[in-house]
Each structure stands twice: as structure tokens, then as C-alpha cells.
Amino acid sequence: MIVAVLLLLVAIATEVGATAALPRTQGFHHPGWTAIVLAGYAVSIWLLAIVVRHIPVSVTYAIWAGLGTAAIAVVGVVVLGESWDLTKVTALGLIISGVVLLNLQGAH
């Protein structure tokens, strides 16, 4: 189970990295960055497929999507210079709350 959780975290990090690099593809016109992004997404999905053998898919996907969304929002603000406002903070709080609640429900 610990290995599955670690693989899930790597899958999330890989997906976030690929998404952060997405603007550099220039609409998939830059071959090098396009290859990096597509490889990142492929590795992320491959790891996700491994994880769902050990953690229920409903919990796995909720964590992957929720934490990935929250992480890319933070990367967008910190690294890519996107704006930060109350709406974004509230939305991220709701996403994280949802992931926590799903995990609490999945534990019982």
C-alpha cells in the first residue's frame, strides 16, 4: 500500500510537470517540448494504471485529479506568474477538502 501511495504521488508530480511544460509546446509546434509533455502524460497514466491495482479507482482518480489540479494551480501562481485571488484559493480549498473526505470514507 505504501508503494502504491508513493507511485500515486509520482504520477501526480509527473502530470503536474507535464502540464506546467504545456505552454512551452507552443500549441504542439515545438517538437522537443511536445515530446516531453506527451511522455510526462504517458508516464503519469501508466503509473496510475499500476496504482489502481492496489487502491480503488474512485479514490485513486479523485486524489490524482484533485491534488494534480491543486498543485498545477500553485505552480501556475508561483512559477508561471498567474494571478492568485480569493476565488482560486476557495476553489483549491474545496478540492482538497473533497480529497480528504473521499479518503476518510474510503478508509471505512
PDB file of N, CA and C in Angstrom:
ATOM      1  N   MET A   1       0.827  -1.202   0.000  1.00  0.00           N
ATOM      2  CA  MET A   1       0.000   0.000   0.000  1.00  0.00           C
ATOM      3  C   MET A   1       0.864   1.255   0.000  1.00  0.00           C
ATOM      4  N   ILE A   2       1.953   1.248   0.765  1.00  0.00           N
ATOM      5  CA  ILE A   2       2.850   2.405   0.820  1.00  0.00           C
ATOM      6  C   ILE A   2       3.454   2.654  -0.557  1.00  0.00           C
ATOM      7  N   VAL A   3       3.850   1.580  -1.238  1.00  0.00           N
ATOM      8  CA  VAL A   3       4.429   1.726  -2.577  1.00  0.00           C
ATOM      9  C   VAL A   3       3.395   2.316  -3.532  1.00  0.00           C
ATOM     10  N   ALA A   4       2.151   1.872  -3.426  1.00  0.00           N
ATOM     11  CA  ALA A   4       1.096   2.401  -4.294  1.00  0.00           C
ATOM     12  C   ALA A   4       0.888   3.892  -4.058  1.00  0.00           C
ATOM     13  N   VAL A   5       0.907   4.312  -2.808  1.00  0.00           N
ATOM     14  CA  VAL A   5       0.749   5.736  -2.490  1.00  0.00           C
ATOM     15  C   VAL A   5       1.925   6.531  -3.046  1.00  0.00           C
ATOM     16  N   LEU A   6       3.126   6.011  -2.899  1.00  0.00           N
ATOM     17  CA  LEU A   6       4.302   6.695  -3.446  1.00  0.00           C
ATOM     18  C   LEU A   6       4.228   6.785  -4.970  1.00  0.00           C
ATOM     19  N   LEU A   7       3.800   5.704  -5.618  1.00  0.00           N
ATOM     20  CA  LEU A   7       3.635   5.735  -7.076  1.00  0.00           C
ATOM     21  C   LEU A   7       2.565   6.740  -7.489  1.00  0.00           C
ATOM     22  N   LEU A   8       1.511   6.847  -6.693  1.00  0.00           N
ATOM     23  CA  LEU A   8       0.470   7.834  -6.980  1.00  0.00           C
ATOM     24  C   LEU A   8       1.038   9.246  -6.892  1.00  0.00           C
ATOM     25  N   LEU A   9       1.855   9.512  -5.887  1.00  0.00           N
ATOM     26  CA  LEU A   9       2.474  10.835  -5.755  1.00  0.00           C
ATOM     27  C   LEU A   9       3.408  11.133  -6.926  1.00  0.00           C
ATOM     28  N   VAL A  10       4.133  10.113  -7.390  1.00  0.00           N
ATOM     29  CA  VAL A  10       4.999  10.299  -8.560  1.00  0.00           C
ATOM     30  C   VAL A  10       4.144  10.548  -9.805  1.00  0.00           C
ATOM     31  N   ALA A  11       3.029   9.834  -9.933  1.00  0.00           N
ATOM     32  CA  ALA A  11       2.126  10.052 -11.068  1.00  0.00           C
ATOM     33  C   ALA A  11       1.593  11.477 -11.066  1.00  0.00           C
ATOM     34  N   ILE A  12       1.227  11.970  -9.899  1.00  0.00           N
ATOM     35  CA  ILE A  12       0.725  13.342  -9.783  1.00  0.00           C
ATOM     36  C   ILE A  12       1.822  14.331 -10.151  1.00  0.00           C
ATOM     37  N   ALA A  13       3.012  14.126  -9.617  1.00  0.00           N
ATOM     38  CA  ALA A  13       4.126  15.041  -9.907  1.00  0.00           C
ATOM     39  C   ALA A  13       4.468  15.039 -11.392  1.00  0.00           C
ATOM     40  N   THR A  14       4.434  13.871 -12.015  1.00  0.00           N
ATOM     41  CA  THR A  14       4.728  13.769 -13.443  1.00  0.00           C
ATOM     42  C   THR A  14       3.673  14.496 -14.268  1.00  0.00           C
ATOM     43  N   GLU A  15       2.421  14.332 -13.898  1.00  0.00           N
ATOM     44  CA  GLU A  15       1.336  15.012 -14.616  1.00  0.00           C
ATOM     45  C   GLU A  15       1.427  16.519 -14.433  1.00  0.00           C
ATOM     46  N   VAL A  16       1.738  16.965 -13.235  1.00  0.00           N
ATOM     47  CA  VAL A  16       1.873  18.400 -12.965  1.00  0.00           C
ATOM     48  C   VAL A  16       3.051  18.974 -13.750  1.00  0.00           C
ATOM     49  N   GLY A  17       4.158  18.248 -13.784  1.00  0.00           N
ATOM     50  CA  GLY A  17       5.311  18.698 -14.564  1.00  0.00           C
ATOM     51  C   GLY A  17       4.989  18.814 -16.042  1.00  0.00           C
ATOM     52  N   ALA A  18       4.286  17.820 -16.569  1.00  0.00           N
ATOM     53  CA  ALA A  18       3.906  17.858 -17.982  1.00  0.00           C
ATOM     54  C   ALA A  18       2.959  19.019 -18.258  1.00  0.00           C
ATOM     55  N   THR A  19       2.016  19.233 -17.370  1.00  0.00           N
ATOM     56  CA  THR A  19       1.063  20.328 -17.558  1.00  0.00           C
ATOM     57  C   THR A  19       1.758  21.680 -17.459  1.00  0.00           C
ATOM     58  N   ALA A  20       2.703  21.807 -16.541  1.00  0.00           N
ATOM     59  CA  ALA A  20       3.451  23.059 -16.413  1.00  0.00           C
ATOM     60  C   ALA A  20       4.272  23.342 -17.671  1.00  0.00           C
ATOM     61  N   ALA A  21       4.741  22.292 -18.334  1.00  0.00           N
ATOM     62  CA  ALA A  21       5.529  22.457 -19.560  1.00  0.00           C
ATOM     63  C   ALA A  21       4.659  22.676 -20.795  1.00  0.00           C
ATOM     64  N   LEU A  22       3.369  22.442 -20.676  1.00  0.00           N
ATOM     65  CA  LEU A  22       2.461  22.535 -21.824  1.00  0.00           C
ATOM     66  C   LEU A  22       2.544  23.858 -22.589  1.00  0.00           C
ATOM     67  N   PRO A  23       2.612  25.020 -21.918  1.00  0.00           N
ATOM     68  CA  PRO A  23       2.714  26.270 -22.686  1.00  0.00           C
ATOM     69  C   PRO A  23       3.964  26.348 -23.569  1.00  0.00           C
ATOM     70  N   ARG A  24       5.020  25.657 -23.174  1.00  0.00           N
ATOM     71  CA  ARG A  24       6.262  25.687 -23.953  1.00  0.00           C
ATOM     72  C   ARG A  24       6.143  24.936 -25.277  1.00  0.00           C
ATOM     73  N   THR A  25       5.120  24.093 -25.425  1.00  0.00           N
ATOM     74  CA  THR A  25       4.943  23.372 -26.690  1.00  0.00           C
ATOM     75  C   THR A  25       4.506  24.299 -27.815  1.00  0.00           C
ATOM     76  N   GLN A  26       4.048  25.495 -27.461  1.00  0.00           N
ATOM     77  CA  GLN A  26       3.560  26.478 -28.433  1.00  0.00           C
ATOM     78  C   GLN A  26       2.498  25.850 -29.347  1.00  0.00           C
ATOM     79  N   GLY A  27       1.486  25.267 -28.694  1.00  0.00           N
ATOM     80  CA  GLY A  27       0.407  24.631 -29.457  1.00  0.00           C
ATOM     81  C   GLY A  27       0.854  23.356 -30.148  1.00  0.00           C
ATOM     82  N   PHE A  28       1.789  22.651 -29.550  1.00  0.00           N
ATOM     83  CA  PHE A  28       2.386  21.425 -30.092  1.00  0.00           C
ATOM     84  C   PHE A  28       3.177  21.683 -31.372  1.00  0.00           C
ATOM     85  N   HIS A  29       3.706  22.889 -31.528  1.00  0.00           N
ATOM     86  CA  HIS A  29       4.546  23.215 -32.679  1.00  0.00           C
ATOM     87  C   HIS A  29       6.032  23.089 -32.352  1.00  0.00           C
ATOM     88  N   HIS A  30       6.380  22.965 -31.081  1.00  0.00           N
ATOM     89  CA  HIS A  30       7.776  22.792 -30.676  1.00  0.00           C
ATOM     90  C   HIS A  30       7.981  21.306 -30.364  1.00  0.00           C
ATOM     91  N   PRO A  31       8.660  20.574 -31.270  1.00  0.00           N
ATOM     92  CA  PRO A  31       8.749  19.114 -31.134  1.00  0.00           C
ATOM     93  C   PRO A  31       9.376  18.629 -29.826  1.00  0.00           C
ATOM     94  N   GLY A  32      10.424  19.288 -29.366  1.00  0.00           N
ATOM     95  CA  GLY A  32      11.084  18.839 -28.139  1.00  0.00           C
ATOM     96  C   GLY A  32      10.179  18.917 -26.926  1.00  0.00           C
ATOM     97  N   TRP A  33       9.559  20.074 -26.726  1.00  0.00           N
ATOM     98  CA  TRP A  33       8.657  20.247 -25.587  1.00  0.00           C
ATOM     99  C   TRP A  33       7.412  19.380 -25.739  1.00  0.00           C
ATOM    100  N   THR A  34       6.946  19.206 -26.968  1.00  0.00           N
ATOM    101  CA  THR A  34       5.788  18.340 -27.200  1.00  0.00           C
ATOM    102  C   THR A  34       6.106  16.914 -26.763  1.00  0.00           C
ATOM    103  N   ALA A  35       7.291  16.428 -27.114  1.00  0.00           N
ATOM    104  CA  ALA A  35       7.693  15.075 -26.721  1.00  0.00           C
ATOM    105  C   ALA A  35       7.776  14.947 -25.201  1.00  0.00           C
ATOM    106  N   ILE A  36       8.314  15.969 -24.547  1.00  0.00           N
ATOM    107  CA  ILE A  36       8.422  15.949 -23.083  1.00  0.00           C
ATOM    108  C   ILE A  36       7.039  15.895 -22.440  1.00  0.00           C
ATOM    109  N   VAL A  37       6.127  16.730 -22.924  1.00  0.00           N
ATOM    110  CA  VAL A  37       4.771  16.771 -22.361  1.00  0.00           C
ATOM    111  C   VAL A  37       4.054  15.441 -22.583  1.00  0.00           C
ATOM    112  N   LEU A  38       4.099  14.925 -23.802  1.00  0.00           N
ATOM    113  CA  LEU A  38       3.415  13.663 -24.090  1.00  0.00           C
ATOM    114  C   LEU A  38       4.015  12.510 -23.282  1.00  0.00           C
ATOM    115  N   ALA A  39       5.333  12.493 -23.140  1.00  0.00           N
ATOM    116  CA  ALA A  39       5.975  11.452 -22.328  1.00  0.00           C
ATOM    117  C   ALA A  39       5.557  11.578 -20.863  1.00  0.00           C
ATOM    118  N   GLY A  40       5.484  12.807 -20.369  1.00  0.00           N
ATOM    119  CA  GLY A  40       5.056  13.019 -18.989  1.00  0.00           C
ATOM    120  C   GLY A  40       3.647  12.513 -18.738  1.00  0.00           C
ATOM    121  N   TYR A  41       2.745  12.826 -19.665  1.00  0.00           N
ATOM    122  CA  TYR A  41       1.372  12.343 -19.521  1.00  0.00           C
ATOM    123  C   TYR A  41       1.312  10.818 -19.622  1.00  0.00           C
ATOM    124  N   ALA A  42       2.083  10.237 -20.536  1.00  0.00           N
ATOM    125  CA  ALA A  42       2.086   8.779 -20.695  1.00  0.00           C
ATOM    126  C   ALA A  42       2.591   8.091 -19.426  1.00  0.00           C
ATOM    127  N   VAL A  43       3.669   8.598 -18.854  1.00  0.00           N
ATOM    128  CA  VAL A  43       4.212   8.015 -17.619  1.00  0.00           C
ATOM    129  C   VAL A  43       3.204   8.153 -16.483  1.00  0.00           C
ATOM    130  N   SER A  44       2.560   9.297 -16.403  1.00  0.00           N
ATOM    131  CA  SER A  44       1.579   9.526 -15.348  1.00  0.00           C
ATOM    132  C   SER A  44       0.419   8.530 -15.439  1.00  0.00           C
ATOM    133  N   ILE A  45      -0.114   8.332 -16.630  1.00  0.00           N
ATOM    134  CA  ILE A  45      -1.227   7.388 -16.824  1.00  0.00           C
ATOM    135  C   ILE A  45      -0.766   5.951 -16.565  1.00  0.00           C
ATOM    136  N   TRP A  46       0.435   5.621 -16.991  1.00  0.00           N
ATOM    137  CA  TRP A  46       0.980   4.280 -16.758  1.00  0.00           C
ATOM    138  C   TRP A  46       1.080   4.002 -15.258  1.00  0.00           C
ATOM    139  N   LEU A  47       1.616   4.972 -14.511  1.00  0.00           N
ATOM    140  CA  LEU A  47       1.708   4.813 -13.056  1.00  0.00           C
ATOM    141  C   LEU A  47       0.322   4.720 -12.425  1.00  0.00           C
ATOM    142  N   LEU A  48      -0.609   5.516 -12.924  1.00  0.00           N
ATOM    143  CA  LEU A  48      -1.979   5.470 -12.414  1.00  0.00           C
ATOM    144  C   LEU A  48      -2.581   4.077 -12.618  1.00  0.00           C
ATOM    145  N   ALA A  49      -2.305   3.466 -13.761  1.00  0.00           N
ATOM    146  CA  ALA A  49      -2.808   2.119 -14.040  1.00  0.00           C
ATOM    147  C   ALA A  49      -2.238   1.097 -13.056  1.00  0.00           C
ATOM    148  N   ILE A  50      -1.007   1.290 -12.642  1.00  0.00           N
ATOM    149  CA  ILE A  50      -0.404   0.401 -11.639  1.00  0.00           C
ATOM    150  C   ILE A  50      -1.055   0.623 -10.275  1.00  0.00           C
ATOM    151  N   VAL A  51      -1.257   1.877  -9.925  1.00  0.00           N
ATOM    152  CA  VAL A  51      -1.810   2.219  -8.609  1.00  0.00           C
ATOM    153  C   VAL A  51      -3.213   1.645  -8.426  1.00  0.00           C
ATOM    154  N   VAL A  52      -4.048   1.678  -9.474  1.00  0.00           N
ATOM    155  CA  VAL A  52      -5.440   1.221  -9.312  1.00  0.00           C
ATOM    156  C   VAL A  52      -5.549  -0.286  -9.074  1.00  0.00           C
ATOM    157  N   ARG A  53      -4.452  -1.001  -9.201  1.00  0.00           N
ATOM    158  CA  ARG A  53      -4.468  -2.418  -8.823  1.00  0.00           C
ATOM    159  C   ARG A  53      -4.442  -2.580  -7.308  1.00  0.00           C
ATOM    160  N   HIS A  54      -4.069  -1.515  -6.586  1.00  0.00           N
ATOM    161  CA  HIS A  54      -3.903  -1.600  -5.132  1.00  0.00           C
ATOM    162  C   HIS A  54      -4.810  -0.662  -4.339  1.00  0.00           C
ATOM    163  N   ILE A  55      -5.256   0.402  -4.980  1.00  0.00           N
ATOM    164  CA  ILE A  55      -6.140   1.381  -4.338  1.00  0.00           C
ATOM    165  C   ILE A  55      -7.365   1.511  -5.239  1.00  0.00           C
ATOM    166  N   PRO A  56      -8.580   1.542  -4.678  1.00  0.00           N
ATOM    167  CA  PRO A  56      -9.782   1.649  -5.516  1.00  0.00           C
ATOM    168  C   PRO A  56      -9.689   2.827  -6.497  1.00  0.00           C
ATOM    169  N   VAL A  57     -10.157   2.583  -7.709  1.00  0.00           N
ATOM    170  CA  VAL A  57     -10.033   3.590  -8.767  1.00  0.00           C
ATOM    171  C   VAL A  57     -10.743   4.892  -8.407  1.00  0.00           C
ATOM    172  N   SER A  58     -11.863   4.813  -7.692  1.00  0.00           N
ATOM    173  CA  SER A  58     -12.583   6.042  -7.330  1.00  0.00           C
ATOM    174  C   SER A  58     -11.741   6.922  -6.415  1.00  0.00           C
ATOM    175  N   VAL A  59     -11.042   6.315  -5.488  1.00  0.00           N
ATOM    176  CA  VAL A  59     -10.182   7.069  -4.575  1.00  0.00           C
ATOM    177  C   VAL A  59      -8.921   7.527  -5.304  1.00  0.00           C
ATOM    178  N   THR A  60      -8.313   6.619  -6.064  1.00  0.00           N
ATOM    179  CA  THR A  60      -7.085   6.945  -6.797  1.00  0.00           C
ATOM    180  C   THR A  60      -7.294   8.122  -7.732  1.00  0.00           C
ATOM    181  N   TYR A  61      -8.343   8.053  -8.536  1.00  0.00           N
ATOM    182  CA  TYR A  61      -8.566   9.107  -9.524  1.00  0.00           C
ATOM    183  C   TYR A  61      -8.921  10.432  -8.857  1.00  0.00           C
ATOM    184  N   ALA A  62      -9.692  10.375  -7.787  1.00  0.00           N
ATOM    185  CA  ALA A  62     -10.038  11.614  -7.076  1.00  0.00           C
ATOM    186  C   ALA A  62      -8.788  12.280  -6.511  1.00  0.00           C
ATOM    187  N   ILE A  63      -7.900  11.492  -5.943  1.00  0.00           N
ATOM    188  CA  ILE A  63      -6.658  12.051  -5.401  1.00  0.00           C
ATOM    189  C   ILE A  63      -5.790  12.587  -6.534  1.00  0.00           C
ATOM    190  N   TRP A  64      -5.638  11.813  -7.593  1.00  0.00           N
ATOM    191  CA  TRP A  64      -4.804  12.211  -8.737  1.00  0.00           C
ATOM    192  C   TRP A  64      -5.318  13.503  -9.362  1.00  0.00           C
ATOM    193  N   ALA A  65      -6.610  13.545  -9.627  1.00  0.00           N
ATOM    194  CA  ALA A  65      -7.184  14.735 -10.261  1.00  0.00           C
ATOM    195  C   ALA A  65      -7.205  15.924  -9.306  1.00  0.00           C
ATOM    196  N   GLY A  66      -7.608  15.693  -8.069  1.00  0.00           N
ATOM    197  CA  GLY A  66      -7.727  16.786  -7.106  1.00  0.00           C
ATOM    198  C   GLY A  66      -6.393  17.395  -6.724  1.00  0.00           C
ATOM    199  N   LEU A  67      -5.454  16.549  -6.320  1.00  0.00           N
ATOM    200  CA  LEU A  67      -4.145  17.073  -5.935  1.00  0.00           C
ATOM    201  C   LEU A  67      -3.378  17.597  -7.139  1.00  0.00           C
ATOM    202  N   GLY A  68      -3.569  16.956  -8.292  1.00  0.00           N
ATOM    203  CA  GLY A  68      -2.932  17.462  -9.512  1.00  0.00           C
ATOM    204  C   GLY A  68      -3.442  18.840  -9.877  1.00  0.00           C
ATOM    205  N   THR A  69      -4.742  19.037  -9.773  1.00  0.00           N
ATOM    206  CA  THR A  69      -5.335  20.344 -10.060  1.00  0.00           C
ATOM    207  C   THR A  69      -4.835  21.393  -9.080  1.00  0.00           C
ATOM    208  N   ALA A  70      -4.835  21.046  -7.805  1.00  0.00           N
ATOM    209  CA  ALA A  70      -4.352  21.991  -6.795  1.00  0.00           C
ATOM    210  C   ALA A  70      -2.876  22.308  -7.011  1.00  0.00           C
ATOM    211  N   ALA A  71      -2.079  21.293  -7.299  1.00  0.00           N
ATOM    212  CA  ALA A  71      -0.641  21.502  -7.485  1.00  0.00           C
ATOM    213  C   ALA A  71      -0.352  22.364  -8.705  1.00  0.00           C
ATOM    214  N   ILE A  72      -1.055  22.131  -9.811  1.00  0.00           N
ATOM    215  CA  ILE A  72      -0.781  22.935 -11.006  1.00  0.00           C
ATOM    216  C   ILE A  72      -1.256  24.369 -10.806  1.00  0.00           C
ATOM    217  N   ALA A  73      -2.281  24.564  -9.998  1.00  0.00           N
ATOM    218  CA  ALA A  73      -2.708  25.934  -9.689  1.00  0.00           C
ATOM    219  C   ALA A  73      -1.620  26.663  -8.907  1.00  0.00           C
ATOM    220  N   VAL A  74      -1.013  25.975  -7.950  1.00  0.00           N
ATOM    221  CA  VAL A  74       0.080  26.579  -7.179  1.00  0.00           C
ATOM    222  C   VAL A  74       1.289  26.825  -8.083  1.00  0.00           C
ATOM    223  N   VAL A  75       1.628  25.861  -8.926  1.00  0.00           N
ATOM    224  CA  VAL A  75       2.741  26.040  -9.871  1.00  0.00           C
ATOM    225  C   VAL A  75       2.447  27.207 -10.807  1.00  0.00           C
ATOM    226  N   GLY A  76       1.207  27.319 -11.246  1.00  0.00           N
ATOM    227  CA  GLY A  76       0.829  28.435 -12.116  1.00  0.00           C
ATOM    228  C   GLY A  76       1.092  29.781 -11.470  1.00  0.00           C
ATOM    229  N   VAL A  77       0.786  29.886 -10.201  1.00  0.00           N
ATOM    230  CA  VAL A  77       0.989  31.154  -9.484  1.00  0.00           C
ATOM    231  C   VAL A  77       2.468  31.374  -9.181  1.00  0.00           C
ATOM    232  N   VAL A  78       3.123  30.361  -8.619  1.00  0.00           N
ATOM    233  CA  VAL A  78       4.500  30.517  -8.143  1.00  0.00           C
ATOM    234  C   VAL A  78       5.515  30.543  -9.289  1.00  0.00           C
ATOM    235  N   VAL A  79       5.341  29.667 -10.267  1.00  0.00           N
ATOM    236  CA  VAL A  79       6.344  29.521 -11.326  1.00  0.00           C
ATOM    237  C   VAL A  79       5.962  30.271 -12.600  1.00  0.00           C
ATOM    238  N   LEU A  80       4.689  30.192 -12.978  1.00  0.00           N
ATOM    239  CA  LEU A  80       4.271  30.748 -14.264  1.00  0.00           C
ATOM    240  C   LEU A  80       3.711  32.161 -14.169  1.00  0.00           C
ATOM    241  N   GLY A  81       3.641  32.717 -12.964  1.00  0.00           N
ATOM    242  CA  GLY A  81       3.218  34.103 -12.792  1.00  0.00           C
ATOM    243  C   GLY A  81       1.732  34.362 -12.965  1.00  0.00           C
ATOM    244  N   GLU A  82       0.906  33.349 -12.755  1.00  0.00           N
ATOM    245  CA  GLU A  82      -0.538  33.541 -12.855  1.00  0.00           C
ATOM    246  C   GLU A  82      -1.058  34.268 -11.612  1.00  0.00           C
ATOM    247  N   SER A  83      -2.251  34.814 -11.725  1.00  0.00           N
ATOM    248  CA  SER A  83      -2.812  35.582 -10.604  1.00  0.00           C
ATOM    249  C   SER A  83      -3.353  34.651  -9.517  1.00  0.00           C
ATOM    250  N   TRP A  84      -3.467  35.198  -8.314  1.00  0.00           N
ATOM    251  CA  TRP A  84      -3.957  34.475  -7.143  1.00  0.00           C
ATOM    252  C   TRP A  84      -5.058  35.322  -6.539  1.00  0.00           C
ATOM    253  N   ASP A  85      -6.245  34.779  -6.385  1.00  0.00           N
ATOM    254  CA  ASP A  85      -7.336  35.556  -5.806  1.00  0.00           C
ATOM    255  C   ASP A  85      -8.178  34.668  -4.899  1.00  0.00           C
ATOM    256  N   LEU A  86      -9.156  35.286  -4.254  1.00  0.00           N
ATOM    257  CA  LEU A  86      -9.986  34.568  -3.290  1.00  0.00           C
ATOM    258  C   LEU A  86     -10.737  33.405  -3.935  1.00  0.00           C
ATOM    259  N   THR A  87     -11.199  33.580  -5.147  1.00  0.00           N
ATOM    260  CA  THR A  87     -11.925  32.509  -5.832  1.00  0.00           C
ATOM    261  C   THR A  87     -11.032  31.291  -6.025  1.00  0.00           C
ATOM    262  N   LYS A  88      -9.802  31.513  -6.469  1.00  0.00           N
ATOM    263  CA  LYS A  88      -8.877  30.405  -6.691  1.00  0.00           C
ATOM    264  C   LYS A  88      -8.534  29.713  -5.373  1.00  0.00           C
ATOM    265  N   VAL A  89      -8.297  30.483  -4.330  1.00  0.00           N
ATOM    266  CA  VAL A  89      -7.976  29.908  -3.016  1.00  0.00           C
ATOM    267  C   VAL A  89      -9.158  29.092  -2.491  1.00  0.00           C
ATOM    268  N   THR A  90     -10.361  29.628  -2.619  1.00  0.00           N
ATOM    269  CA  THR A  90     -11.560  28.919  -2.162  1.00  0.00           C
ATOM    270  C   THR A  90     -11.755  27.623  -2.941  1.00  0.00           C
ATOM    271  N   ALA A  91     -11.604  27.690  -4.255  1.00  0.00           N
ATOM    272  CA  ALA A  91     -11.773  26.501  -5.094  1.00  0.00           C
ATOM    273  C   ALA A  91     -10.757  25.423  -4.726  1.00  0.00           C
ATOM    274  N   LEU A  92      -9.514  25.822  -4.509  1.00  0.00           N
ATOM    275  CA  LEU A  92      -8.493  24.849  -4.121  1.00  0.00           C
ATOM    276  C   LEU A  92      -8.797  24.241  -2.758  1.00  0.00           C
ATOM    277  N   GLY A  93      -9.297  25.047  -1.845  1.00  0.00           N
ATOM    278  CA  GLY A  93      -9.696  24.533  -0.538  1.00  0.00           C
ATOM    279  C   GLY A  93     -10.800  23.494  -0.650  1.00  0.00           C
ATOM    280  N   LEU A  94     -11.752  23.743  -1.521  1.00  0.00           N
ATOM    281  CA  LEU A  94     -12.838  22.783  -1.733  1.00  0.00           C
ATOM    282  C   LEU A  94     -12.324  21.488  -2.359  1.00  0.00           C
ATOM    283  N   ILE A  95     -11.402  21.608  -3.307  1.00  0.00           N
ATOM    284  CA  ILE A  95     -10.825  20.414  -3.930  1.00  0.00           C
ATOM    285  C   ILE A  95     -10.107  19.569  -2.883  1.00  0.00           C
ATOM    286  N   ILE A  96      -9.275  20.205  -2.094  1.00  0.00           N
ATOM    287  CA  ILE A  96      -8.518  19.478  -1.072  1.00  0.00           C
ATOM    288  C   ILE A  96      -9.456  18.869  -0.034  1.00  0.00           C
ATOM    289  N   SER A  97     -10.501  19.597   0.348  1.00  0.00           N
ATOM    290  CA  SER A  97     -11.499  19.058   1.286  1.00  0.00           C
ATOM    291  C   SER A  97     -12.167  17.818   0.708  1.00  0.00           C
ATOM    292  N   GLY A  98     -12.494  17.860  -0.560  1.00  0.00           N
ATOM    293  CA  GLY A  98     -13.113  16.713  -1.218  1.00  0.00           C
ATOM    294  C   GLY A  98     -12.210  15.494  -1.223  1.00  0.00           C
ATOM    295  N   VAL A  99     -10.938  15.695  -1.499  1.00  0.00           N
ATOM    296  CA  VAL A  99      -9.979  14.589  -1.492  1.00  0.00           C
ATOM    297  C   VAL A  99      -9.866  13.993  -0.089  1.00  0.00           C
ATOM    298  N   VAL A 100      -9.790  14.846   0.913  1.00  0.00           N
ATOM    299  CA  VAL A 100      -9.702  14.365   2.297  1.00  0.00           C
ATOM    300  C   VAL A 100     -10.953  13.572   2.664  1.00  0.00           C
ATOM    301  N   LEU A 101     -12.128  14.096   2.336  1.00  0.00           N
ATOM    302  CA  LEU A 101     -13.377  13.392   2.656  1.00  0.00           C
ATOM    303  C   LEU A 101     -13.466  12.048   1.949  1.00  0.00           C
ATOM    304  N   LEU A 102     -13.056  11.993   0.692  1.00  0.00           N
ATOM    305  CA  LEU A 102     -13.064  10.717  -0.031  1.00  0.00           C
ATOM    306  C   LEU A 102     -12.140   9.706   0.643  1.00  0.00           C
ATOM    307  N   ASN A 103     -10.988  10.166   1.088  1.00  0.00           N
ATOM    308  CA  ASN A 103     -10.055   9.259   1.755  1.00  0.00           C
ATOM    309  C   ASN A 103     -10.595   8.782   3.091  1.00  0.00           C
ATOM    310  N   LEU A 104     -11.257   9.652   3.823  1.00  0.00           N
ATOM    311  CA  LEU A 104     -11.861   9.244   5.092  1.00  0.00           C
ATOM    312  C   LEU A 104     -12.960   8.221   4.855  1.00  0.00           C
ATOM    313  N   GLN A 105     -13.760   8.429   3.838  1.00  0.00           N
ATOM    314  CA  GLN A 105     -14.835   7.494   3.508  1.00  0.00           C
ATOM    315  C   GLN A 105     -14.255   6.170   3.031  1.00  0.00           C
ATOM    316  N   GLY A 106     -13.186   6.230   2.235  1.00  0.00           N
ATOM    317  CA  GLY A 106     -12.563   5.022   1.712  1.00  0.00           C
ATOM    318  C   GLY A 106     -11.889   4.186   2.783  1.00  0.00           C
ATOM    319  N   ALA A 107     -11.544   4.811   3.899  1.00  0.00           N
ATOM    320  CA  ALA A 107     -10.869   4.090   4.982  1.00  0.00           C
ATOM    321  C   ALA A 107     -11.832   3.236   5.795  1.00  0.00           C
ATOM    322  N   HIS A 108     -13.136   3.440   5.639  1.00  0.00           N
ATOM    323  CA  HIS A 108     -14.118   2.699   6.444  1.00  0.00           C
ATOM    324  C   HIS A 108     -14.790   1.627   5.657  1.00  0.00           C
TER     325      HIS A 108
END
